[in-house]
Amino acid sequence: MAKFVVNRAVTTRGSSVKVDGDLAIGRHRFQLVVVDSQGNRSRPAIVTVVIKGRRTIPIPIPIVR
């Protein structure tokens, strides 16, 4: 699970990253750069995520009989 820290890269070998979900309320800007097996780097893809508040989502638990 990735913990995002300002100005610190998160590196993964897979095509996805699991986030810790502990982002503070406010705007967060993320940049993604992909590096292929030859070391070629993609142009950065930049996205801004806005966290507006915290919400608890109940998870249904199945009843086993």
Protein backbone atom coordinates (compact mmCIF):
# COMPACT_ATOMS: atom_id res chain seq x y z
CA MET A 1 0.00 0.00 0.00
CA ALA A 2 1.42 3.37 -0.99
CA LYS A 3 1.75 6.23 1.48
CA PHE A 4 1.94 9.51 -0.41
CA VAL A 5 4.47 12.03 0.88
CA VAL A 6 4.97 15.44 -0.72
CA ASN A 7 7.82 15.41 -3.29
CA ARG A 8 8.60 11.72 -2.77
CA ALA A 9 8.15 9.30 -5.66
CA VAL A 10 6.11 6.12 -5.34
CA THR A 11 7.51 3.35 -7.55
CA THR A 12 5.71 0.17 -8.56
CA ARG A 13 6.34 -2.59 -11.10
CA GLY A 14 2.63 -3.17 -11.67
CA SER A 15 0.07 -1.15 -13.58
CA SER A 16 -1.77 0.01 -10.46
CA VAL A 17 -1.05 1.27 -6.97
CA LYS A 18 -3.12 0.79 -3.82
CA VAL A 19 -3.43 4.01 -1.81
CA ASP A 20 -3.56 4.24 1.98
CA GLY A 21 -6.70 6.44 1.88
CA ASP A 22 -5.35 8.89 4.45
CA LEU A 23 -5.23 12.02 2.28
CA ALA A 24 -6.07 15.26 4.07
CA ILE A 25 -9.09 17.31 3.02
CA GLY A 26 -8.12 19.69 0.22
CA ARG A 27 -6.50 19.62 -3.23
CA HIS A 28 -3.81 17.08 -4.10
CA ARG A 29 -1.85 17.07 -7.36
CA PHE A 30 -0.44 13.80 -8.68
CA GLN A 31 1.96 13.19 -11.52
CA LEU A 32 2.44 9.86 -13.29
CA VAL A 33 5.50 8.96 -15.35
CA VAL A 34 5.80 5.52 -16.92
CA VAL A 35 9.22 3.97 -17.60
CA ASP A 36 9.46 1.06 -20.05
CA SER A 37 11.94 -1.84 -19.97
CA GLN A 38 14.44 0.17 -22.09
CA GLY A 39 14.36 3.08 -19.63
CA ASN A 40 12.28 5.39 -21.85
CA ARG A 41 10.15 7.77 -19.78
CA SER A 42 6.69 9.00 -20.75
CA ARG A 43 5.65 12.62 -20.56
CA PRO A 44 4.07 13.33 -17.15
CA ALA A 45 0.32 12.91 -16.80
CA ILE A 46 -0.91 15.30 -14.11
CA VAL A 47 -4.23 15.14 -12.27
CA THR A 48 -5.67 17.10 -9.34
CA VAL A 49 -7.82 15.25 -6.79
CA VAL A 50 -10.05 17.18 -4.38
CA ILE A 51 -10.91 15.54 -1.04
CA LYS A 52 -14.03 17.29 0.26
CA GLY A 53 -14.72 15.33 3.44
CA ARG A 54 -14.69 12.02 5.20
CA ARG A 55 -17.52 9.56 4.91
CA THR A 56 -17.94 6.17 6.51
CA ILE A 57 -19.36 3.59 4.15
CA PRO A 58 -20.93 0.56 5.84
CA ILE A 59 -19.79 -2.78 4.47
CA PRO A 60 -22.52 -5.46 4.52
CA ILE A 61 -21.47 -8.65 6.28
CA PRO A 62 -23.06 -11.82 4.93
CA ILE A 63 -24.88 -14.03 7.42
CA VAL A 64 -23.71 -17.63 7.28
CA ARG A 65 -26.29 -20.19 8.44
